[in-house]
Amino acid sequence: MGDDFKMAVQKNNEGLALELTGRFDKDSAKEVISFIKNKKPEVSRFYIDTQGLLHDNPAELIIDEWSQWDASLLAETN
């Protein structure tokens, strides 16, 4: 995980807002996905602010890791 990666979480009426800052790498993406997976049963919406991240395309890392997590989640429910 990036040395200075931070995830601030705020609850609002519609779900959880995540503000991500610092260096973002694959480990950071895994941390975000793990957090969402653990909160998913009780929270239906997540808003992710990536403006404070130091990476050319942070969404690319989240999508790459998410597809792997999504496949494992589907396997758990079947």
PDB file of N, CA and C in Angstrom:
ATOM      1  N   MET A   1       0.840  -1.166   0.000  1.00  0.00           N
ATOM      2  CA  MET A   1       0.000   0.000   0.000  1.00  0.00           C
ATOM      3  C   MET A   1       0.886   1.230   0.000  1.00  0.00           C
ATOM      4  N   GLY A   2       0.433   2.277  -0.674  1.00  0.00           N
ATOM      5  CA  GLY A   2       1.187   3.515  -0.696  1.00  0.00           C
ATOM      6  C   GLY A   2       1.428   4.023   0.717  1.00  0.00           C
ATOM      7  N   ASP A   3       2.641   4.497   0.978  1.00  0.00           N
ATOM      8  CA  ASP A   3       3.015   4.926   2.326  1.00  0.00           C
ATOM      9  C   ASP A   3       2.071   5.965   2.914  1.00  0.00           C
ATOM     10  N   ASP A   4       1.595   6.872   2.090  1.00  0.00           N
ATOM     11  CA  ASP A   4       0.760   7.948   2.616  1.00  0.00           C
ATOM     12  C   ASP A   4      -0.709   7.823   2.205  1.00  0.00           C
ATOM     13  N   PHE A   5      -1.150   6.633   1.815  1.00  0.00           N
ATOM     14  CA  PHE A   5      -2.551   6.431   1.435  1.00  0.00           C
ATOM     15  C   PHE A   5      -3.436   6.545   2.668  1.00  0.00           C
ATOM     16  N   LYS A   6      -4.528   7.299   2.512  1.00  0.00           N
ATOM     17  CA  LYS A   6      -5.495   7.444   3.600  1.00  0.00           C
ATOM     18  C   LYS A   6      -6.901   7.350   3.025  1.00  0.00           C
ATOM     19  N   MET A   7      -7.793   6.820   3.842  1.00  0.00           N
ATOM     20  CA  MET A   7      -9.196   6.719   3.457  1.00  0.00           C
ATOM     21  C   MET A   7     -10.027   7.320   4.584  1.00  0.00           C
ATOM     22  N   ALA A   8     -10.656   8.458   4.313  1.00  0.00           N
ATOM     23  CA  ALA A   8     -11.555   9.084   5.280  1.00  0.00           C
ATOM     24  C   ALA A   8     -12.977   8.656   4.937  1.00  0.00           C
ATOM     25  N   VAL A   9     -13.750   8.325   5.970  1.00  0.00           N
ATOM     26  CA  VAL A   9     -15.105   7.815   5.760  1.00  0.00           C
ATOM     27  C   VAL A   9     -16.103   8.718   6.474  1.00  0.00           C
ATOM     28  N   GLN A  10     -17.145   9.099   5.751  1.00  0.00           N
ATOM     29  CA  GLN A  10     -18.231   9.873   6.343  1.00  0.00           C
ATOM     30  C   GLN A  10     -19.551   9.214   5.987  1.00  0.00           C
ATOM     31  N   LYS A  11     -20.413   9.109   6.980  1.00  0.00           N
ATOM     32  CA  LYS A  11     -21.736   8.542   6.745  1.00  0.00           C
ATOM     33  C   LYS A  11     -22.692   9.680   6.401  1.00  0.00           C
ATOM     34  N   ASN A  12     -23.529   9.451   5.398  1.00  0.00           N
ATOM     35  CA  ASN A  12     -24.580  10.414   5.081  1.00  0.00           C
ATOM     36  C   ASN A  12     -25.896   9.657   4.938  1.00  0.00           C
ATOM     37  N   ASN A  13     -26.950  10.368   4.590  1.00  0.00           N
ATOM     38  CA  ASN A  13     -28.282   9.738   4.505  1.00  0.00           C
ATOM     39  C   ASN A  13     -28.370   8.649   3.454  1.00  0.00           C
ATOM     40  N   GLU A  14     -27.532   8.731   2.434  1.00  0.00           N
ATOM     41  CA  GLU A  14     -27.634   7.797   1.316  1.00  0.00           C
ATOM     42  C   GLU A  14     -26.606   6.675   1.345  1.00  0.00           C
ATOM     43  N   GLY A  15     -25.645   6.713   2.237  1.00  0.00           N
ATOM     44  CA  GLY A  15     -24.620   5.674   2.281  1.00  0.00           C
ATOM     45  C   GLY A  15     -23.348   6.177   2.930  1.00  0.00           C
ATOM     46  N   LEU A  16     -22.215   5.720   2.413  1.00  0.00           N
ATOM     47  CA  LEU A  16     -20.913   6.133   2.929  1.00  0.00           C
ATOM     48  C   LEU A  16     -20.131   6.852   1.844  1.00  0.00           C
ATOM     49  N   ALA A  17     -19.482   7.930   2.236  1.00  0.00           N
ATOM     50  CA  ALA A  17     -18.612   8.671   1.324  1.00  0.00           C
ATOM     51  C   ALA A  17     -17.172   8.381   1.718  1.00  0.00           C
ATOM     52  N   LEU A  18     -16.381   7.919   0.753  1.00  0.00           N
ATOM     53  CA  LEU A  18     -14.972   7.626   0.989  1.00  0.00           C
ATOM     54  C   LEU A  18     -14.138   8.682   0.281  1.00  0.00           C
ATOM     55  N   GLU A  19     -13.261   9.341   1.027  1.00  0.00           N
ATOM     56  CA  GLU A  19     -12.341  10.305   0.432  1.00  0.00           C
ATOM     57  C   GLU A  19     -10.949   9.685   0.476  1.00  0.00           C
ATOM     58  N   LEU A  20     -10.408   9.380  -0.691  1.00  0.00           N
ATOM     59  CA  LEU A  20      -9.114   8.722  -0.800  1.00  0.00           C
ATOM     60  C   LEU A  20      -8.045   9.752  -1.122  1.00  0.00           C
ATOM     61  N   THR A  21      -6.928   9.691  -0.387  1.00  0.00           N
ATOM     62  CA  THR A  21      -5.817  10.611  -0.634  1.00  0.00           C
ATOM     63  C   THR A  21      -4.496   9.855  -0.564  1.00  0.00           C
ATOM     64  N   GLY A  22      -3.478  10.408  -1.202  1.00  0.00           N
ATOM     65  CA  GLY A  22      -2.132   9.846  -1.139  1.00  0.00           C
ATOM     66  C   GLY A  22      -1.808   8.947  -2.320  1.00  0.00           C
ATOM     67  N   ARG A  23      -0.716   8.202  -2.173  1.00  0.00           N
ATOM     68  CA  ARG A  23      -0.268   7.286  -3.231  1.00  0.00           C
ATOM     69  C   ARG A  23      -1.191   6.078  -3.284  1.00  0.00           C
ATOM     70  N   PHE A  24      -1.662   5.786  -4.484  1.00  0.00           N
ATOM     71  CA  PHE A  24      -2.627   4.713  -4.677  1.00  0.00           C
ATOM     72  C   PHE A  24      -2.015   3.621  -5.529  1.00  0.00           C
ATOM     73  N   ASP A  25      -2.017   2.395  -4.987  1.00  0.00           N
ATOM     74  CA  ASP A  25      -1.468   1.253  -5.712  1.00  0.00           C
ATOM     75  C   ASP A  25      -2.424   0.069  -5.568  1.00  0.00           C
ATOM     76  N   LYS A  26      -1.993  -1.106  -6.014  1.00  0.00           N
ATOM     77  CA  LYS A  26      -2.872  -2.287  -5.949  1.00  0.00           C
ATOM     78  C   LYS A  26      -3.279  -2.626  -4.518  1.00  0.00           C
ATOM     79  N   ASP A  27      -2.358  -2.482  -3.579  1.00  0.00           N
ATOM     80  CA  ASP A  27      -2.694  -2.778  -2.188  1.00  0.00           C
ATOM     81  C   ASP A  27      -3.739  -1.801  -1.652  1.00  0.00           C
ATOM     82  N   SER A  28      -3.628  -0.538  -2.061  1.00  0.00           N
ATOM     83  CA  SER A  28      -4.622   0.460  -1.662  1.00  0.00           C
ATOM     84  C   SER A  28      -5.986   0.095  -2.237  1.00  0.00           C
ATOM     85  N   ALA A  29      -6.009  -0.326  -3.494  1.00  0.00           N
ATOM     86  CA  ALA A  29      -7.261  -0.738  -4.135  1.00  0.00           C
ATOM     87  C   ALA A  29      -7.875  -1.917  -3.386  1.00  0.00           C
ATOM     88  N   LYS A  30      -7.049  -2.863  -2.992  1.00  0.00           N
ATOM     89  CA  LYS A  30      -7.545  -4.018  -2.238  1.00  0.00           C
ATOM     90  C   LYS A  30      -8.122  -3.587  -0.896  1.00  0.00           C
ATOM     91  N   GLU A  31      -7.492  -2.593  -0.253  1.00  0.00           N
ATOM     92  CA  GLU A  31      -7.998  -2.098   1.028  1.00  0.00           C
ATOM     93  C   GLU A  31      -9.383  -1.465   0.857  1.00  0.00           C
ATOM     94  N   VAL A  32      -9.549  -0.671  -0.192  1.00  0.00           N
ATOM     95  CA  VAL A  32     -10.843  -0.037  -0.459  1.00  0.00           C
ATOM     96  C   VAL A  32     -11.904  -1.105  -0.719  1.00  0.00           C
ATOM     97  N   ILE A  33     -11.585  -2.078  -1.530  1.00  0.00           N
ATOM     98  CA  ILE A  33     -12.543  -3.132  -1.863  1.00  0.00           C
ATOM     99  C   ILE A  33     -12.887  -3.967  -0.634  1.00  0.00           C
ATOM    100  N   SER A  34     -11.906  -4.268   0.185  1.00  0.00           N
ATOM    101  CA  SER A  34     -12.151  -5.020   1.413  1.00  0.00           C
ATOM    102  C   SER A  34     -13.081  -4.241   2.345  1.00  0.00           C
ATOM    103  N   PHE A  35     -12.848  -2.942   2.457  1.00  0.00           N
ATOM    104  CA  PHE A  35     -13.704  -2.095   3.290  1.00  0.00           C
ATOM    105  C   PHE A  35     -15.145  -2.146   2.784  1.00  0.00           C
ATOM    106  N   ILE A  36     -15.317  -1.984   1.473  1.00  0.00           N
ATOM    107  CA  ILE A  36     -16.657  -2.007   0.880  1.00  0.00           C
ATOM    108  C   ILE A  36     -17.311  -3.370   1.093  1.00  0.00           C
ATOM    109  N   LYS A  37     -16.559  -4.430   0.894  1.00  0.00           N
ATOM    110  CA  LYS A  37     -17.098  -5.785   1.068  1.00  0.00           C
ATOM    111  C   LYS A  37     -17.591  -5.990   2.501  1.00  0.00           C
ATOM    112  N   ASN A  38     -16.832  -5.506   3.478  1.00  0.00           N
ATOM    113  CA  ASN A  38     -17.215  -5.668   4.880  1.00  0.00           C
ATOM    114  C   ASN A  38     -18.429  -4.825   5.258  1.00  0.00           C
ATOM    115  N   LYS A  39     -18.610  -3.689   4.609  1.00  0.00           N
ATOM    116  CA  LYS A  39     -19.733  -2.795   4.915  1.00  0.00           C
ATOM    117  C   LYS A  39     -20.967  -3.071   4.062  1.00  0.00           C
ATOM    118  N   LYS A  40     -20.812  -3.819   2.977  1.00  0.00           N
ATOM    119  CA  LYS A  40     -21.880  -4.034   1.995  1.00  0.00           C
ATOM    120  C   LYS A  40     -23.191  -4.540   2.604  1.00  0.00           C
ATOM    121  N   PRO A  41     -23.179  -5.452   3.555  1.00  0.00           N
ATOM    122  CA  PRO A  41     -24.467  -5.925   4.072  1.00  0.00           C
ATOM    123  C   PRO A  41     -25.320  -4.808   4.690  1.00  0.00           C
ATOM    124  N   GLU A  42     -24.680  -3.796   5.265  1.00  0.00           N
ATOM    125  CA  GLU A  42     -25.438  -2.743   5.951  1.00  0.00           C
ATOM    126  C   GLU A  42     -25.510  -1.425   5.175  1.00  0.00           C
ATOM    127  N   VAL A  43     -24.709  -1.276   4.137  1.00  0.00           N
ATOM    128  CA  VAL A  43     -24.664  -0.032   3.356  1.00  0.00           C
ATOM    129  C   VAL A  43     -24.924  -0.362   1.889  1.00  0.00           C
ATOM    130  N   SER A  44     -25.842   0.373   1.274  1.00  0.00           N
ATOM    131  CA  SER A  44     -26.169   0.067  -0.122  1.00  0.00           C
ATOM    132  C   SER A  44     -25.472   0.982  -1.127  1.00  0.00           C
ATOM    133  N   ARG A  45     -24.991   2.159  -0.686  1.00  0.00           N
ATOM    134  CA  ARG A  45     -24.339   3.087  -1.618  1.00  0.00           C
ATOM    135  C   ARG A  45     -23.017   3.589  -1.057  1.00  0.00           C
ATOM    136  N   PHE A  46     -22.051   3.643  -1.966  1.00  0.00           N
ATOM    137  CA  PHE A  46     -20.729   4.162  -1.633  1.00  0.00           C
ATOM    138  C   PHE A  46     -20.374   5.242  -2.645  1.00  0.00           C
ATOM    139  N   TYR A  47     -19.898   6.361  -2.154  1.00  0.00           N
ATOM    140  CA  TYR A  47     -19.423   7.451  -3.005  1.00  0.00           C
ATOM    141  C   TYR A  47     -17.924   7.549  -2.795  1.00  0.00           C
ATOM    142  N   ILE A  48     -17.156   7.464  -3.860  1.00  0.00           N
ATOM    143  CA  ILE A  48     -15.696   7.434  -3.742  1.00  0.00           C
ATOM    144  C   ILE A  48     -15.103   8.659  -4.421  1.00  0.00           C
ATOM    145  N   ASP A  49     -14.459   9.520  -3.616  1.00  0.00           N
ATOM    146  CA  ASP A  49     -13.784  10.719  -4.118  1.00  0.00           C
ATOM    147  C   ASP A  49     -12.308  10.378  -4.319  1.00  0.00           C
ATOM    148  N   THR A  50     -11.861  10.400  -5.563  1.00  0.00           N
ATOM    149  CA  THR A  50     -10.479  10.024  -5.886  1.00  0.00           C
ATOM    150  C   THR A  50      -9.605  11.221  -6.251  1.00  0.00           C
ATOM    151  N   GLN A  51     -10.115  12.441  -6.076  1.00  0.00           N
ATOM    152  CA  GLN A  51      -9.363  13.622  -6.500  1.00  0.00           C
ATOM    153  C   GLN A  51      -8.044  13.801  -5.758  1.00  0.00           C
ATOM    154  N   GLY A  52      -7.940  13.294  -4.539  1.00  0.00           N
ATOM    155  CA  GLY A  52      -6.724  13.476  -3.755  1.00  0.00           C
ATOM    156  C   GLY A  52      -5.687  12.380  -3.941  1.00  0.00           C
ATOM    157  N   LEU A  53      -5.913  11.477  -4.900  1.00  0.00           N
ATOM    158  CA  LEU A  53      -4.987  10.362  -5.094  1.00  0.00           C
ATOM    159  C   LEU A  53      -3.844  10.722  -6.025  1.00  0.00           C
ATOM    160  N   LEU A  54      -2.688  10.134  -5.762  1.00  0.00           N
ATOM    161  CA  LEU A  54      -1.506  10.317  -6.592  1.00  0.00           C
ATOM    162  C   LEU A  54      -1.325   9.076  -7.460  1.00  0.00           C
ATOM    163  N   HIS A  55      -2.075   9.012  -8.540  1.00  0.00           N
ATOM    164  CA  HIS A  55      -1.980   7.922  -9.506  1.00  0.00           C
ATOM    165  C   HIS A  55      -2.635   8.413 -10.779  1.00  0.00           C
ATOM    166  N   ASP A  56      -2.109   8.020 -11.922  1.00  0.00           N
ATOM    167  CA  ASP A  56      -2.656   8.491 -13.187  1.00  0.00           C
ATOM    168  C   ASP A  56      -4.114   8.100 -13.379  1.00  0.00           C
ATOM    169  N   ASN A  57      -4.455   6.885 -13.001  1.00  0.00           N
ATOM    170  CA  ASN A  57      -5.815   6.405 -13.210  1.00  0.00           C
ATOM    171  C   ASN A  57      -6.215   5.465 -12.072  1.00  0.00           C
ATOM    172  N   PRO A  58      -6.582   6.023 -10.900  1.00  0.00           N
ATOM    173  CA  PRO A  58      -6.918   5.159  -9.768  1.00  0.00           C
ATOM    174  C   PRO A  58      -8.108   4.258 -10.033  1.00  0.00           C
ATOM    175  N   ALA A  59      -9.058   4.722 -10.834  1.00  0.00           N
ATOM    176  CA  ALA A  59     -10.232   3.896 -11.127  1.00  0.00           C
ATOM    177  C   ALA A  59      -9.826   2.603 -11.821  1.00  0.00           C
ATOM    178  N   GLU A  60      -8.782   2.661 -12.631  1.00  0.00           N
ATOM    179  CA  GLU A  60      -8.291   1.463 -13.325  1.00  0.00           C
ATOM    180  C   GLU A  60      -7.886   0.383 -12.326  1.00  0.00           C
ATOM    181  N   LEU A  61      -7.196   0.771 -11.257  1.00  0.00           N
ATOM    182  CA  LEU A  61      -6.787  -0.204 -10.242  1.00  0.00           C
ATOM    183  C   LEU A  61      -7.989  -0.758  -9.498  1.00  0.00           C
ATOM    184  N   ILE A  62      -8.936   0.106  -9.153  1.00  0.00           N
ATOM    185  CA  ILE A  62     -10.125  -0.365  -8.444  1.00  0.00           C
ATOM    186  C   ILE A  62     -10.905  -1.334  -9.325  1.00  0.00           C
ATOM    187  N   ILE A  63     -11.092  -0.991 -10.593  1.00  0.00           N
ATOM    188  CA  ILE A  63     -11.844  -1.863 -11.503  1.00  0.00           C
ATOM    189  C   ILE A  63     -11.139  -3.201 -11.677  1.00  0.00           C
ATOM    190  N   ASP A  64      -9.820  -3.182 -11.820  1.00  0.00           N
ATOM    191  CA  ASP A  64      -9.051  -4.413 -11.984  1.00  0.00           C
ATOM    192  C   ASP A  64      -9.210  -5.306 -10.761  1.00  0.00           C
ATOM    193  N   GLU A  65      -9.036  -4.751  -9.574  1.00  0.00           N
ATOM    194  CA  GLU A  65      -9.170  -5.533  -8.348  1.00  0.00           C
ATOM    195  C   GLU A  65     -10.630  -5.916  -8.103  1.00  0.00           C
ATOM    196  N   TRP A  66     -11.561  -5.021  -8.436  1.00  0.00           N
ATOM    197  CA  TRP A  66     -12.983  -5.276  -8.208  1.00  0.00           C
ATOM    198  C   TRP A  66     -13.445  -6.486  -8.997  1.00  0.00           C
ATOM    199  N   SER A  67     -13.002  -6.621 -10.240  1.00  0.00           N
ATOM    200  CA  SER A  67     -13.444  -7.757 -11.050  1.00  0.00           C
ATOM    201  C   SER A  67     -13.026  -9.072 -10.405  1.00  0.00           C
ATOM    202  N   GLN A  68     -11.862  -9.099  -9.784  1.00  0.00           N
ATOM    203  CA  GLN A  68     -11.415 -10.308  -9.090  1.00  0.00           C
ATOM    204  C   GLN A  68     -12.263 -10.542  -7.841  1.00  0.00           C
ATOM    205  N   TRP A  69     -12.555  -9.469  -7.103  1.00  0.00           N
ATOM    206  CA  TRP A  69     -13.365  -9.593  -5.899  1.00  0.00           C
ATOM    207  C   TRP A  69     -14.786  -9.992  -6.265  1.00  0.00           C
ATOM    208  N   ASP A  70     -15.344  -9.389  -7.320  1.00  0.00           N
ATOM    209  CA  ASP A  70     -16.702  -9.672  -7.753  1.00  0.00           C
ATOM    210  C   ASP A  70     -16.859 -11.152  -8.091  1.00  0.00           C
ATOM    211  N   ALA A  71     -15.880 -11.731  -8.751  1.00  0.00           N
ATOM    212  CA  ALA A  71     -15.926 -13.154  -9.097  1.00  0.00           C
ATOM    213  C   ALA A  71     -15.934 -14.011  -7.834  1.00  0.00           C
ATOM    214  N   SER A  72     -15.147 -13.635  -6.826  1.00  0.00           N
ATOM    215  CA  SER A  72     -15.109 -14.416  -5.588  1.00  0.00           C
ATOM    216  C   SER A  72     -16.415 -14.267  -4.818  1.00  0.00           C
ATOM    217  N   LEU A  73     -17.037 -13.082  -4.875  1.00  0.00           N
ATOM    218  CA  LEU A  73     -18.313 -12.873  -4.201  1.00  0.00           C
ATOM    219  C   LEU A  73     -19.402 -13.728  -4.838  1.00  0.00           C
ATOM    220  N   LEU A  74     -19.420 -13.788  -6.159  1.00  0.00           N
ATOM    221  CA  LEU A  74     -20.402 -14.620  -6.845  1.00  0.00           C
ATOM    222  C   LEU A  74     -20.222 -16.086  -6.477  1.00  0.00           C
ATOM    223  N   ALA A  75     -18.986 -16.528  -6.344  1.00  0.00           N
ATOM    224  CA  ALA A  75     -18.716 -17.918  -5.977  1.00  0.00           C
ATOM    225  C   ALA A  75     -19.229 -18.210  -4.567  1.00  0.00           C
ATOM    226  N   GLU A  76     -19.131 -17.219  -3.661  1.00  0.00           N
ATOM    227  CA  GLU A  76     -19.589 -17.407  -2.282  1.00  0.00           C
ATOM    228  C   GLU A  76     -21.103 -17.544  -2.206  1.00  0.00           C
ATOM    229  N   THR A  77     -21.833 -16.852  -3.093  1.00  0.00           N
ATOM    230  CA  THR A  77     -23.291 -16.857  -3.017  1.00  0.00           C
ATOM    231  C   THR A  77     -23.923 -18.035  -3.737  1.00  0.00           C
ATOM    232  N   ASN A  78     -23.156 -18.757  -4.539  1.00  0.00           N
ATOM    233  CA  ASN A  78     -23.705 -19.912  -5.268  1.00  0.00           C
ATOM    234  C   ASN A  78     -23.489 -21.195  -4.517  1.00  0.00           C
TER     235      ASN A  78
END
